[in-house]
Amino acid sequence: MMEFMELYDNKYVRSLIQLVPFGSAADVLIKETIDEINKDRLRVFFNKLEVGNIQLTEEIIKNEDFLHNYFATIRIVINTRRREKIELFGNLFNRAVVQNFINSFDKYNFYLTILDDLTLKEINILHKLYRLECKTQPKDKSRNERLIANKGIWEEFKQNMQEDMNIIKNCLEEELIRIERTGCLYIPRVTINDFRSYSAVTTEIYSKLKDLIVS
């Protein structure tokens, strides 16, 4: 562990690393899985925190909610394969917990669970739709008003999905329905045969999550 800690100059990041039970007999799962692959995953996470220039005090590190949030995040990080996804967890932890944008374990766990549930592909779909929405609609519009506004960009969105992400139009609804389960997207309740004539819209949950994870 000392060799791992020496990679970082930020004393607060070093303090967090000391909390990870590398090879601890107290946790068989961590003992069995913290190998070189998982060290690489943790390195990506801690690198993101160090770049964020986090400022922690001893009081914060000993705070019960902080520790719950930290260990909940670490458990997910060591089971996440994609580097880009791990970096998003680093952003989430830094902004939500360290910068205190979210001040309760339940709220943090809510967004942590959503991020864990979303694939990178689904995150990219949401981000591309959100960027198109920002071009056409004020933020104070109701959901129904935004749905109507989105009809004007829907063909462009479907075309973007096909060109940028190789998602053909006939398969897009399946992708969006899977995303809706997270609460980040709203799809009006219509029959599947009518789906292509309707739009979907990102939600406030996604807007908050985006603010927490996008650099």
N, C-alpha and C. Protein backbone atom coordinates (compact mmCIF):
# COMPACT_ATOMS: atom_id res chain seq x y z
N MET A 1 0.83 -1.21 0.00
CA MET A 1 0.00 0.00 0.00
C MET A 1 0.86 1.26 0.00
N MET A 2 2.02 1.22 0.69
CA MET A 2 2.88 2.39 0.74
C MET A 2 3.35 2.77 -0.66
N GLU A 3 3.67 1.76 -1.47
CA GLU A 3 4.09 2.02 -2.85
C GLU A 3 2.98 2.71 -3.62
N PHE A 4 1.76 2.29 -3.38
CA PHE A 4 0.61 2.89 -4.06
C PHE A 4 0.43 4.34 -3.60
N MET A 5 0.57 4.59 -2.32
CA MET A 5 0.40 5.95 -1.78
C MET A 5 1.44 6.91 -2.32
N GLU A 6 2.64 6.41 -2.58
CA GLU A 6 3.72 7.28 -3.03
C GLU A 6 3.47 7.88 -4.40
N LEU A 7 2.44 7.40 -5.09
CA LEU A 7 2.10 7.95 -6.40
C LEU A 7 1.45 9.32 -6.28
N TYR A 8 1.01 9.70 -5.08
CA TYR A 8 0.21 10.91 -4.91
C TYR A 8 0.86 11.89 -3.95
N ASP A 9 0.82 13.16 -4.34
CA ASP A 9 1.35 14.23 -3.50
C ASP A 9 0.29 14.80 -2.57
N ASN A 10 -0.97 14.77 -3.01
CA ASN A 10 -2.06 15.34 -2.22
C ASN A 10 -2.25 14.52 -0.94
N LYS A 11 -2.04 15.15 0.21
CA LYS A 11 -2.10 14.41 1.47
C LYS A 11 -3.50 13.89 1.77
N TYR A 12 -4.52 14.56 1.22
CA TYR A 12 -5.89 14.11 1.47
C TYR A 12 -6.19 12.85 0.67
N VAL A 13 -5.70 12.79 -0.56
CA VAL A 13 -5.84 11.57 -1.35
C VAL A 13 -5.10 10.42 -0.67
N ARG A 14 -3.92 10.71 -0.14
CA ARG A 14 -3.15 9.68 0.57
C ARG A 14 -3.91 9.17 1.80
N SER A 15 -4.61 10.07 2.47
CA SER A 15 -5.42 9.67 3.63
C SER A 15 -6.54 8.73 3.21
N LEU A 16 -7.16 9.03 2.06
CA LEU A 16 -8.24 8.17 1.57
C LEU A 16 -7.71 6.79 1.19
N ILE A 17 -6.54 6.75 0.57
CA ILE A 17 -5.96 5.47 0.18
C ILE A 17 -5.72 4.59 1.40
N GLN A 18 -5.31 5.19 2.51
CA GLN A 18 -5.06 4.42 3.73
C GLN A 18 -6.32 3.74 4.25
N LEU A 19 -7.48 4.26 3.87
CA LEU A 19 -8.74 3.67 4.34
C LEU A 19 -9.12 2.43 3.56
N VAL A 20 -8.51 2.22 2.39
CA VAL A 20 -8.84 1.04 1.58
C VAL A 20 -8.12 -0.16 2.16
N PRO A 21 -8.87 -1.22 2.54
CA PRO A 21 -8.25 -2.38 3.19
C PRO A 21 -7.58 -3.32 2.20
N PHE A 22 -6.46 -2.91 1.62
CA PHE A 22 -5.72 -3.77 0.70
C PHE A 22 -5.32 -5.06 1.41
N GLY A 23 -5.84 -6.18 0.90
CA GLY A 23 -5.44 -7.46 1.45
C GLY A 23 -5.90 -7.71 2.86
N SER A 24 -6.88 -6.98 3.33
CA SER A 24 -7.32 -7.13 4.71
C SER A 24 -8.09 -8.43 4.89
N ALA A 25 -7.77 -9.16 5.93
CA ALA A 25 -8.50 -10.40 6.22
C ALA A 25 -9.91 -10.11 6.68
N ALA A 26 -10.19 -8.86 7.04
CA ALA A 26 -11.52 -8.50 7.53
C ALA A 26 -12.54 -8.50 6.40
N ASP A 27 -12.09 -8.44 5.18
CA ASP A 27 -13.02 -8.42 4.06
C ASP A 27 -12.49 -9.36 2.99
N VAL A 28 -13.04 -10.56 2.95
CA VAL A 28 -12.54 -11.59 2.04
C VAL A 28 -12.69 -11.16 0.59
N LEU A 29 -13.80 -10.51 0.26
CA LEU A 29 -14.03 -10.11 -1.12
C LEU A 29 -12.95 -9.15 -1.60
N ILE A 30 -12.65 -8.15 -0.78
CA ILE A 30 -11.61 -7.20 -1.16
C ILE A 30 -10.25 -7.90 -1.21
N LYS A 31 -9.99 -8.77 -0.24
CA LYS A 31 -8.72 -9.49 -0.22
C LYS A 31 -8.52 -10.28 -1.50
N GLU A 32 -9.59 -10.88 -2.01
CA GLU A 32 -9.48 -11.72 -3.20
C GLU A 32 -9.42 -10.91 -4.50
N THR A 33 -10.00 -9.71 -4.49
CA THR A 33 -10.15 -8.98 -5.75
C THR A 33 -9.20 -7.81 -5.94
N ILE A 34 -8.58 -7.33 -4.83
CA ILE A 34 -7.63 -6.22 -4.99
C ILE A 34 -6.32 -6.78 -5.53
N ASP A 35 -6.28 -7.00 -6.82
CA ASP A 35 -5.08 -7.43 -7.51
C ASP A 35 -4.60 -6.28 -8.38
N GLU A 36 -3.73 -6.55 -9.31
CA GLU A 36 -3.19 -5.47 -10.13
C GLU A 36 -4.27 -4.78 -10.96
N ILE A 37 -5.27 -5.53 -11.42
CA ILE A 37 -6.34 -4.93 -12.21
C ILE A 37 -7.10 -3.92 -11.37
N ASN A 38 -7.45 -4.31 -10.15
CA ASN A 38 -8.22 -3.41 -9.30
C ASN A 38 -7.39 -2.23 -8.81
N LYS A 39 -6.09 -2.43 -8.64
CA LYS A 39 -5.24 -1.30 -8.30
C LYS A 39 -5.23 -0.28 -9.43
N ASP A 40 -5.24 -0.77 -10.66
CA ASP A 40 -5.31 0.14 -11.80
C ASP A 40 -6.62 0.93 -11.78
N ARG A 41 -7.71 0.26 -11.43
CA ARG A 41 -9.00 0.94 -11.37
C ARG A 41 -9.00 2.00 -10.27
N LEU A 42 -8.46 1.66 -9.13
CA LEU A 42 -8.39 2.64 -8.04
C LEU A 42 -7.47 3.79 -8.40
N ARG A 43 -6.41 3.48 -9.14
CA ARG A 43 -5.48 4.54 -9.55
C ARG A 43 -6.20 5.57 -10.42
N VAL A 44 -7.06 5.11 -11.33
CA VAL A 44 -7.83 6.03 -12.17
C VAL A 44 -8.71 6.92 -11.29
N PHE A 45 -9.36 6.31 -10.30
CA PHE A 45 -10.25 7.05 -9.40
C PHE A 45 -9.48 8.09 -8.60
N PHE A 46 -8.38 7.69 -7.99
CA PHE A 46 -7.60 8.62 -7.16
C PHE A 46 -6.92 9.69 -8.01
N ASN A 47 -6.53 9.34 -9.23
CA ASN A 47 -5.97 10.35 -10.14
C ASN A 47 -6.98 11.46 -10.38
N LYS A 48 -8.24 11.07 -10.55
CA LYS A 48 -9.29 12.06 -10.79
C LYS A 48 -9.47 12.95 -9.58
N LEU A 49 -9.39 12.38 -8.39
CA LEU A 49 -9.52 13.19 -7.17
C LEU A 49 -8.35 14.15 -7.03
N GLU A 50 -7.15 13.67 -7.35
CA GLU A 50 -5.98 14.53 -7.20
C GLU A 50 -6.02 15.69 -8.19
N VAL A 51 -6.47 15.42 -9.42
CA VAL A 51 -6.62 16.50 -10.40
C VAL A 51 -7.63 17.53 -9.92
N GLY A 52 -8.66 17.04 -9.19
CA GLY A 52 -9.68 17.93 -8.66
C GLY A 52 -9.20 18.76 -7.48
N ASN A 53 -7.96 18.53 -7.04
CA ASN A 53 -7.37 19.32 -5.95
C ASN A 53 -8.28 19.35 -4.73
N ILE A 54 -8.69 18.16 -4.27
CA ILE A 54 -9.65 18.09 -3.18
C ILE A 54 -9.05 18.62 -1.89
N GLN A 55 -9.89 19.21 -1.07
CA GLN A 55 -9.48 19.76 0.21
C GLN A 55 -10.31 19.09 1.31
N LEU A 56 -9.68 18.21 2.06
CA LEU A 56 -10.37 17.50 3.12
C LEU A 56 -9.69 17.79 4.45
N THR A 57 -10.49 17.81 5.49
CA THR A 57 -9.95 17.97 6.84
C THR A 57 -10.08 16.64 7.56
N GLU A 58 -9.38 16.51 8.66
CA GLU A 58 -9.49 15.29 9.47
C GLU A 58 -10.93 15.10 9.95
N GLU A 59 -11.60 16.20 10.23
CA GLU A 59 -12.99 16.13 10.69
C GLU A 59 -13.89 15.53 9.61
N ILE A 60 -13.68 15.95 8.35
CA ILE A 60 -14.49 15.43 7.25
C ILE A 60 -14.23 13.94 7.06
N ILE A 61 -12.96 13.55 7.05
CA ILE A 61 -12.60 12.16 6.80
C ILE A 61 -13.18 11.23 7.86
N LYS A 62 -13.35 11.73 9.08
CA LYS A 62 -13.91 10.91 10.16
C LYS A 62 -15.43 10.98 10.23
N ASN A 63 -16.04 11.79 9.35
CA ASN A 63 -17.50 11.92 9.34
C ASN A 63 -18.14 10.62 8.85
N GLU A 64 -19.18 10.17 9.53
CA GLU A 64 -19.80 8.88 9.22
C GLU A 64 -20.38 8.85 7.81
N ASP A 65 -21.12 9.89 7.41
CA ASP A 65 -21.70 9.93 6.07
C ASP A 65 -20.61 9.94 5.00
N PHE A 66 -19.55 10.70 5.25
CA PHE A 66 -18.44 10.74 4.29
C PHE A 66 -17.86 9.34 4.09
N LEU A 67 -17.63 8.62 5.18
CA LEU A 67 -17.06 7.28 5.07
C LEU A 67 -18.00 6.32 4.37
N HIS A 68 -19.29 6.41 4.66
CA HIS A 68 -20.27 5.57 3.96
C HIS A 68 -20.21 5.84 2.46
N ASN A 69 -20.20 7.11 2.09
CA ASN A 69 -20.17 7.48 0.67
C ASN A 69 -18.88 7.00 0.01
N TYR A 70 -17.78 7.16 0.72
CA TYR A 70 -16.48 6.78 0.17
C TYR A 70 -16.41 5.28 -0.11
N PHE A 71 -16.77 4.47 0.89
CA PHE A 71 -16.67 3.03 0.72
C PHE A 71 -17.70 2.50 -0.27
N ALA A 72 -18.88 3.11 -0.32
CA ALA A 72 -19.87 2.72 -1.32
C ALA A 72 -19.33 2.95 -2.72
N THR A 73 -18.62 4.07 -2.90
CA THR A 73 -18.04 4.39 -4.21
C THR A 73 -16.90 3.45 -4.55
N ILE A 74 -16.02 3.18 -3.59
CA ILE A 74 -14.88 2.30 -3.83
C ILE A 74 -15.34 0.90 -4.23
N ARG A 75 -16.39 0.40 -3.57
CA ARG A 75 -16.89 -0.94 -3.91
C ARG A 75 -17.31 -1.01 -5.37
N ILE A 76 -17.93 0.06 -5.86
CA ILE A 76 -18.36 0.08 -7.26
C ILE A 76 -17.17 0.26 -8.19
N VAL A 77 -16.24 1.12 -7.81
CA VAL A 77 -15.08 1.40 -8.67
C VAL A 77 -14.29 0.13 -8.96
N ILE A 78 -14.04 -0.68 -7.95
CA ILE A 78 -13.21 -1.87 -8.16
C ILE A 78 -13.93 -2.94 -8.97
N ASN A 79 -15.21 -2.74 -9.22
CA ASN A 79 -15.96 -3.67 -10.07
C ASN A 79 -16.35 -3.04 -11.41
N THR A 80 -15.75 -1.91 -11.73
CA THR A 80 -16.04 -1.21 -12.98
C THR A 80 -14.87 -1.36 -13.94
N ARG A 81 -15.13 -1.84 -15.15
CA ARG A 81 -14.05 -2.15 -16.08
C ARG A 81 -13.60 -0.93 -16.88
N ARG A 82 -14.53 -0.06 -17.26
CA ARG A 82 -14.21 1.02 -18.18
C ARG A 82 -13.59 2.21 -17.46
N ARG A 83 -12.42 2.62 -17.93
CA ARG A 83 -11.71 3.75 -17.34
C ARG A 83 -12.56 5.01 -17.33
N GLU A 84 -13.26 5.27 -18.46
CA GLU A 84 -14.08 6.48 -18.57
C GLU A 84 -15.17 6.51 -17.51
N LYS A 85 -15.73 5.34 -17.21
CA LYS A 85 -16.79 5.26 -16.20
C LYS A 85 -16.22 5.52 -14.81
N ILE A 86 -15.04 4.99 -14.53
CA ILE A 86 -14.40 5.22 -13.24
C ILE A 86 -14.13 6.71 -13.03
N GLU A 87 -13.72 7.39 -14.09
CA GLU A 87 -13.48 8.83 -13.99
C GLU A 87 -14.76 9.57 -13.64
N LEU A 88 -15.89 9.10 -14.14
CA LEU A 88 -17.17 9.72 -13.80
C LEU A 88 -17.49 9.52 -12.32
N PHE A 89 -17.16 8.35 -11.78
CA PHE A 89 -17.34 8.13 -10.34
C PHE A 89 -16.45 9.07 -9.54
N GLY A 90 -15.24 9.33 -10.05
CA GLY A 90 -14.36 10.28 -9.39
C GLY A 90 -14.95 11.67 -9.36
N ASN A 91 -15.52 12.09 -10.50
CA ASN A 91 -16.19 13.40 -10.56
C ASN A 91 -17.36 13.46 -9.59
N LEU A 92 -18.16 12.40 -9.57
CA LEU A 92 -19.33 12.37 -8.70
C LEU A 92 -18.93 12.49 -7.24
N PHE A 93 -17.94 11.71 -6.82
CA PHE A 93 -17.52 11.74 -5.42
C PHE A 93 -16.95 13.11 -5.06
N ASN A 94 -16.14 13.66 -5.94
CA ASN A 94 -15.51 14.95 -5.67
C ASN A 94 -16.54 16.06 -5.53
N ARG A 95 -17.47 16.12 -6.46
CA ARG A 95 -18.43 17.23 -6.45
C ARG A 95 -19.53 17.03 -5.42
N ALA A 96 -20.04 15.81 -5.34
CA ALA A 96 -21.18 15.56 -4.46
C ALA A 96 -20.76 15.53 -2.99
N VAL A 97 -19.66 14.87 -2.70
CA VAL A 97 -19.26 14.64 -1.32
C VAL A 97 -18.21 15.64 -0.85
N VAL A 98 -17.10 15.72 -1.58
CA VAL A 98 -16.01 16.58 -1.14
C VAL A 98 -16.41 18.05 -1.19
N GLN A 99 -17.04 18.46 -2.30
CA GLN A 99 -17.48 19.85 -2.43
C GLN A 99 -18.85 20.08 -1.80
N ASN A 100 -19.44 19.01 -1.23
CA ASN A 100 -20.67 19.11 -0.44
C ASN A 100 -21.87 19.58 -1.25
N PHE A 101 -21.93 19.22 -2.55
CA PHE A 101 -23.13 19.51 -3.33
C PHE A 101 -24.30 18.65 -2.88
N ILE A 102 -23.99 17.50 -2.30
CA ILE A 102 -25.01 16.62 -1.73
C ILE A 102 -24.59 16.31 -0.30
N ASN A 103 -25.46 16.57 0.65
CA ASN A 103 -25.05 16.50 2.06
C ASN A 103 -25.68 15.35 2.83
N SER A 104 -26.19 14.33 2.13
CA SER A 104 -26.70 13.17 2.86
C SER A 104 -26.35 11.89 2.11
N PHE A 105 -26.18 10.81 2.87
CA PHE A 105 -25.81 9.53 2.27
C PHE A 105 -26.89 9.04 1.32
N ASP A 106 -28.16 9.18 1.70
CA ASP A 106 -29.25 8.68 0.86
C ASP A 106 -29.28 9.36 -0.50
N LYS A 107 -29.10 10.68 -0.51
CA LYS A 107 -29.12 11.41 -1.78
C LYS A 107 -27.92 11.01 -2.64
N TYR A 108 -26.76 10.91 -2.01
CA TYR A 108 -25.57 10.51 -2.77
C TYR A 108 -25.73 9.11 -3.33
N ASN A 109 -26.22 8.20 -2.51
CA ASN A 109 -26.40 6.82 -2.94
C ASN A 109 -27.39 6.72 -4.10
N PHE A 110 -28.38 7.63 -4.11
CA PHE A 110 -29.36 7.68 -5.19
C PHE A 110 -28.66 7.93 -6.52
N TYR A 111 -27.81 8.95 -6.57
CA TYR A 111 -27.11 9.28 -7.82
C TYR A 111 -26.00 8.28 -8.12
N LEU A 112 -25.35 7.76 -7.09
CA LEU A 112 -24.33 6.74 -7.30
C LEU A 112 -24.93 5.49 -7.95
N THR A 113 -26.10 5.09 -7.48
CA THR A 113 -26.78 3.92 -8.03
C THR A 113 -27.18 4.15 -9.48
N ILE A 114 -27.68 5.34 -9.78
CA ILE A 114 -28.06 5.65 -11.16
C ILE A 114 -26.85 5.60 -12.08
N LEU A 115 -25.76 6.23 -11.66
CA LEU A 115 -24.55 6.22 -12.48
C LEU A 115 -24.04 4.80 -12.68
N ASP A 116 -24.08 3.99 -11.66
CA ASP A 116 -23.65 2.60 -11.77
C ASP A 116 -24.54 1.84 -12.75
N ASP A 117 -25.82 2.15 -12.75
CA ASP A 117 -26.78 1.44 -13.59
C ASP A 117 -26.65 1.82 -15.06
N LEU A 118 -26.27 3.06 -15.33
CA LEU A 118 -26.15 3.53 -16.72
C LEU A 118 -24.86 3.01 -17.35
N THR A 119 -24.95 2.58 -18.61
CA THR A 119 -23.75 2.25 -19.35
C THR A 119 -23.18 3.53 -19.97
N LEU A 120 -21.93 3.48 -20.40
CA LEU A 120 -21.35 4.64 -21.07
C LEU A 120 -22.13 4.98 -22.33
N LYS A 121 -22.60 3.97 -23.02
CA LYS A 121 -23.41 4.20 -24.22
C LYS A 121 -24.67 4.98 -23.87
N GLU A 122 -25.33 4.59 -22.80
CA GLU A 122 -26.56 5.27 -22.39
C GLU A 122 -26.28 6.70 -21.93
N ILE A 123 -25.16 6.90 -21.25
CA ILE A 123 -24.78 8.25 -20.83
C ILE A 123 -24.55 9.13 -22.04
N ASN A 124 -23.91 8.60 -23.06
CA ASN A 124 -23.67 9.36 -24.29
C ASN A 124 -24.97 9.71 -25.00
N ILE A 125 -25.91 8.78 -25.02
CA ILE A 125 -27.22 9.05 -25.63
C ILE A 125 -27.90 10.21 -24.90
N LEU A 126 -27.92 10.14 -23.58
CA LEU A 126 -28.54 11.21 -22.79
C LEU A 126 -27.86 12.55 -23.03
N HIS A 127 -26.54 12.53 -23.07
CA HIS A 127 -25.79 13.77 -23.25
C HIS A 127 -26.08 14.40 -24.61
N LYS A 128 -26.15 13.58 -25.65
CA LYS A 128 -26.43 14.10 -26.99
C LYS A 128 -27.84 14.67 -27.08
N LEU A 129 -28.81 13.99 -26.45
CA LEU A 129 -30.17 14.51 -26.46
C LEU A 129 -30.25 15.81 -25.67
N TYR A 130 -29.58 15.85 -24.52
CA TYR A 130 -29.60 17.05 -23.68
C TYR A 130 -29.02 18.25 -24.42
N ARG A 131 -27.94 18.04 -25.14
CA ARG A 131 -27.32 19.15 -25.88
C ARG A 131 -28.26 19.69 -26.95
N LEU A 132 -28.99 18.81 -27.61
CA LEU A 132 -29.98 19.27 -28.59
C LEU A 132 -31.11 20.02 -27.91
N GLU A 133 -31.54 19.53 -26.76
CA GLU A 133 -32.61 20.20 -26.01
C GLU A 133 -32.20 21.61 -25.62
N CYS A 134 -30.96 21.78 -25.22
CA CYS A 134 -30.49 23.10 -24.78
C CYS A 134 -30.55 24.13 -25.89
N LYS A 135 -30.52 23.68 -27.12
CA LYS A 135 -30.57 24.60 -28.26
C LYS A 135 -31.98 25.12 -28.53
N THR A 136 -32.99 24.39 -28.04
CA THR A 136 -34.36 24.68 -28.47
C THR A 136 -35.32 25.07 -27.37
N GLN A 137 -34.98 24.86 -26.11
CA GLN A 137 -36.00 25.06 -25.08
C GLN A 137 -35.46 25.71 -23.82
N PRO A 138 -36.20 26.67 -23.27
CA PRO A 138 -35.84 27.27 -21.98
C PRO A 138 -35.99 26.24 -20.86
N LYS A 139 -35.23 26.40 -19.80
CA LYS A 139 -35.25 25.44 -18.71
C LYS A 139 -36.53 25.50 -17.87
N ASP A 140 -37.26 26.61 -17.95
CA ASP A 140 -38.44 26.75 -17.09
C ASP A 140 -39.70 26.16 -17.72
N LYS A 141 -39.58 25.50 -18.86
CA LYS A 141 -40.74 24.90 -19.50
C LYS A 141 -41.19 23.66 -18.73
N SER A 142 -42.50 23.37 -18.82
CA SER A 142 -43.01 22.15 -18.21
C SER A 142 -42.57 20.94 -19.04
N ARG A 143 -42.73 19.76 -18.46
CA ARG A 143 -42.32 18.55 -19.18
C ARG A 143 -43.08 18.38 -20.48
N ASN A 144 -44.39 18.64 -20.46
CA ASN A 144 -45.18 18.50 -21.69
C ASN A 144 -44.76 19.51 -22.74
N GLU A 145 -44.44 20.73 -22.31
CA GLU A 145 -43.97 21.74 -23.26
C GLU A 145 -42.62 21.33 -23.85
N ARG A 146 -41.79 20.72 -23.04
CA ARG A 146 -40.49 20.28 -23.54
C ARG A 146 -40.64 19.10 -24.49
N LEU A 147 -41.59 18.22 -24.21
CA LEU A 147 -41.85 17.11 -25.13
C LEU A 147 -42.28 17.62 -26.50
N ILE A 148 -43.15 18.62 -26.48
CA ILE A 148 -43.60 19.20 -27.75
C ILE A 148 -42.42 19.84 -28.48
N ALA A 149 -41.58 20.57 -27.73
CA ALA A 149 -40.41 21.20 -28.35
C ALA A 149 -39.45 20.16 -28.91
N ASN A 150 -39.34 19.03 -28.23
CA ASN A 150 -38.41 18.00 -28.68
C ASN A 150 -38.83 17.35 -29.99
N LYS A 151 -40.11 17.43 -30.32
CA LYS A 151 -40.54 16.88 -31.61
C LYS A 151 -39.83 17.57 -32.76
N GLY A 152 -39.45 18.83 -32.54
CA GLY A 152 -38.77 19.58 -33.58
C GLY A 152 -37.33 19.13 -33.81
N ILE A 153 -36.75 18.47 -32.81
CA ILE A 153 -35.36 18.01 -32.94
C ILE A 153 -35.26 16.50 -33.04
N TRP A 154 -36.40 15.82 -33.00
CA TRP A 154 -36.37 14.36 -32.88
C TRP A 154 -35.74 13.68 -34.09
N GLU A 155 -36.06 14.15 -35.28
CA GLU A 155 -35.47 13.54 -36.47
C GLU A 155 -33.96 13.77 -36.49
N GLU A 156 -33.52 14.96 -36.08
CA GLU A 156 -32.09 15.23 -36.01
C GLU A 156 -31.42 14.33 -34.97
N PHE A 157 -32.09 14.14 -33.84
CA PHE A 157 -31.55 13.27 -32.80
C PHE A 157 -31.40 11.84 -33.31
N LYS A 158 -32.43 11.32 -33.97
CA LYS A 158 -32.36 9.96 -34.48
C LYS A 158 -31.26 9.82 -35.51
N GLN A 159 -31.10 10.84 -36.34
CA GLN A 159 -30.03 10.81 -37.34
C GLN A 159 -28.66 10.83 -36.67
N ASN A 160 -28.52 11.65 -35.62
CA ASN A 160 -27.26 11.70 -34.87
C ASN A 160 -26.93 10.35 -34.24
N MET A 161 -27.95 9.68 -33.71
CA MET A 161 -27.73 8.38 -33.10
C MET A 161 -27.21 7.37 -34.11
N GLN A 162 -27.74 7.45 -35.32
CA GLN A 162 -27.30 6.51 -36.35
C GLN A 162 -25.89 6.83 -36.85
N GLU A 163 -25.60 8.11 -37.03
CA GLU A 163 -24.30 8.50 -37.58
C GLU A 163 -23.19 8.44 -36.54
N ASP A 164 -23.47 8.89 -35.32
CA ASP A 164 -22.42 8.99 -34.29
C ASP A 164 -22.25 7.72 -33.47
N MET A 165 -23.34 6.98 -33.26
CA MET A 165 -23.28 5.83 -32.35
C MET A 165 -23.73 4.53 -33.00
N ASN A 166 -24.02 4.59 -34.29
CA ASN A 166 -24.41 3.39 -35.03
C ASN A 166 -25.66 2.72 -34.44
N ILE A 167 -26.57 3.54 -33.94
CA ILE A 167 -27.85 3.03 -33.44
C ILE A 167 -28.90 3.31 -34.50
N ILE A 168 -29.34 2.27 -35.18
CA ILE A 168 -30.30 2.48 -36.26
C ILE A 168 -31.64 2.90 -35.68
N LYS A 169 -32.40 3.62 -36.46
CA LYS A 169 -33.64 4.23 -35.97
C LYS A 169 -34.60 3.19 -35.40
N ASN A 170 -34.64 2.01 -36.02
CA ASN A 170 -35.58 0.99 -35.56
C ASN A 170 -35.22 0.42 -34.19
N CYS A 171 -33.97 0.61 -33.77
CA CYS A 171 -33.53 0.09 -32.47
C CYS A 171 -33.47 1.16 -31.38
N LEU A 172 -33.66 2.41 -31.77
CA LEU A 172 -33.49 3.50 -30.81
C LEU A 172 -34.48 3.41 -29.66
N GLU A 173 -35.73 3.05 -29.97
CA GLU A 173 -36.71 3.00 -28.89
C GLU A 173 -36.33 2.00 -27.81
N GLU A 174 -35.70 0.89 -28.19
CA GLU A 174 -35.27 -0.09 -27.19
C GLU A 174 -34.21 0.50 -26.27
N GLU A 175 -33.29 1.26 -26.85
CA GLU A 175 -32.26 1.91 -26.04
C GLU A 175 -32.89 2.91 -25.06
N LEU A 176 -33.83 3.70 -25.56
CA LEU A 176 -34.45 4.73 -24.72
C LEU A 176 -35.30 4.13 -23.61
N ILE A 177 -35.97 3.04 -23.90
CA ILE A 177 -36.79 2.38 -22.88
C ILE A 177 -35.90 1.86 -21.76
N ARG A 178 -34.73 1.33 -22.11
CA ARG A 178 -33.80 0.87 -21.07
C ARG A 178 -33.30 2.03 -20.22
N ILE A 179 -33.05 3.18 -20.86
CA ILE A 179 -32.57 4.35 -20.12
C ILE A 179 -33.66 4.88 -19.19
N GLU A 180 -34.91 4.78 -19.61
CA GLU A 180 -36.01 5.34 -18.81
C GLU A 180 -36.07 4.71 -17.43
N ARG A 181 -35.60 3.47 -17.30
CA ARG A 181 -35.67 2.78 -16.00
C ARG A 181 -34.90 3.51 -14.92
N THR A 182 -33.92 4.33 -15.30
CA THR A 182 -33.08 5.03 -14.33
C THR A 182 -33.70 6.32 -13.83
N GLY A 183 -34.77 6.78 -14.50
CA GLY A 183 -35.37 8.06 -14.14
C GLY A 183 -34.74 9.24 -14.85
N CYS A 184 -33.76 8.98 -15.71
CA CYS A 184 -33.07 10.07 -16.42
C CYS A 184 -33.78 10.50 -17.69
N LEU A 185 -34.78 9.75 -18.10
CA LEU A 185 -35.49 10.02 -19.35
C LEU A 185 -36.97 9.76 -19.14
N TYR A 186 -37.80 10.62 -19.75
CA TYR A 186 -39.24 10.40 -19.71
C TYR A 186 -39.73 10.13 -21.12
N ILE A 187 -40.50 9.04 -21.27
CA ILE A 187 -41.12 8.70 -22.54
C ILE A 187 -42.63 8.70 -22.33
N PRO A 188 -43.38 9.44 -23.14
CA PRO A 188 -44.84 9.43 -22.97
C PRO A 188 -45.39 8.04 -23.20
N ARG A 189 -46.42 7.71 -22.49
CA ARG A 189 -47.00 6.38 -22.59
C ARG A 189 -47.80 6.25 -23.88
N VAL A 190 -47.19 5.62 -24.86
CA VAL A 190 -47.84 5.39 -26.15
C VAL A 190 -47.60 3.95 -26.53
N THR A 191 -48.34 3.49 -27.53
CA THR A 191 -48.12 2.13 -28.00
C THR A 191 -46.80 2.07 -28.76
N ILE A 192 -46.20 0.88 -28.79
CA ILE A 192 -44.90 0.74 -29.44
C ILE A 192 -44.99 1.09 -30.93
N ASN A 193 -46.16 0.84 -31.54
CA ASN A 193 -46.31 1.15 -32.96
C ASN A 193 -46.31 2.64 -33.22
N ASP A 194 -46.70 3.43 -32.22
CA ASP A 194 -46.74 4.88 -32.37
C ASP A 194 -45.47 5.55 -31.86
N PHE A 195 -44.55 4.76 -31.33
CA PHE A 195 -43.39 5.35 -30.63
C PHE A 195 -42.60 6.30 -31.52
N ARG A 196 -42.41 5.94 -32.77
CA ARG A 196 -41.53 6.73 -33.62
C ARG A 196 -42.08 8.11 -33.93
N SER A 197 -43.36 8.31 -33.69
CA SER A 197 -43.94 9.63 -33.96
C SER A 197 -43.88 10.53 -32.73
N TYR A 198 -43.34 10.03 -31.62
CA TYR A 198 -43.26 10.79 -30.38
C TYR A 198 -41.80 11.08 -30.05
N SER A 199 -41.61 12.01 -29.14
CA SER A 199 -40.26 12.28 -28.65
C SER A 199 -40.16 11.84 -27.20
N ALA A 200 -38.95 11.87 -26.68
CA ALA A 200 -38.70 11.66 -25.25
C ALA A 200 -37.98 12.90 -24.75
N VAL A 201 -37.83 13.01 -23.44
CA VAL A 201 -37.21 14.21 -22.88
C VAL A 201 -36.38 13.82 -21.66
N THR A 202 -35.22 14.47 -21.50
CA THR A 202 -34.41 14.23 -20.31
C THR A 202 -35.10 14.84 -19.09
N THR A 203 -34.78 14.33 -17.92
CA THR A 203 -35.46 14.73 -16.69
C THR A 203 -34.56 15.57 -15.80
N GLU A 204 -35.15 16.08 -14.73
CA GLU A 204 -34.38 16.83 -13.74
C GLU A 204 -33.33 15.94 -13.07
N ILE A 205 -33.65 14.66 -12.94
CA ILE A 205 -32.68 13.74 -12.36
C ILE A 205 -31.42 13.70 -13.22
N TYR A 206 -31.60 13.61 -14.54
CA TYR A 206 -30.42 13.61 -15.41
C TYR A 206 -29.68 14.94 -15.34
N SER A 207 -30.42 16.03 -15.31
CA SER A 207 -29.78 17.35 -15.27
C SER A 207 -28.88 17.47 -14.04
N LYS A 208 -29.36 16.97 -12.90
CA LYS A 208 -28.56 17.02 -11.67
C LYS A 208 -27.35 16.09 -11.78
N LEU A 209 -27.59 14.88 -12.30
CA LEU A 209 -26.50 13.93 -12.45
C LEU A 209 -25.42 14.48 -13.38
N LYS A 210 -25.84 15.08 -14.47
CA LYS A 210 -24.90 15.66 -15.44
C LYS A 210 -24.01 16.70 -14.76
N ASP A 211 -24.61 17.55 -13.95
CA ASP A 211 -23.83 18.58 -13.26
C ASP A 211 -22.78 17.99 -12.33
N LEU A 212 -23.06 16.78 -11.84
CA LEU A 212 -22.15 16.14 -10.90
C LEU A 212 -21.03 15.35 -11.57
N ILE A 213 -21.24 14.91 -12.81
CA ILE A 213 -20.27 13.99 -13.41
C ILE A 213 -19.54 14.53 -14.63
N VAL A 214 -20.08 15.57 -15.28
CA VAL A 214 -19.47 16.06 -16.51
C VAL A 214 -18.40 17.09 -16.16
N SER A 215 -17.20 16.89 -16.68
CA SER A 215 -16.10 17.81 -16.39
C SER A 215 -16.32 19.15 -17.06
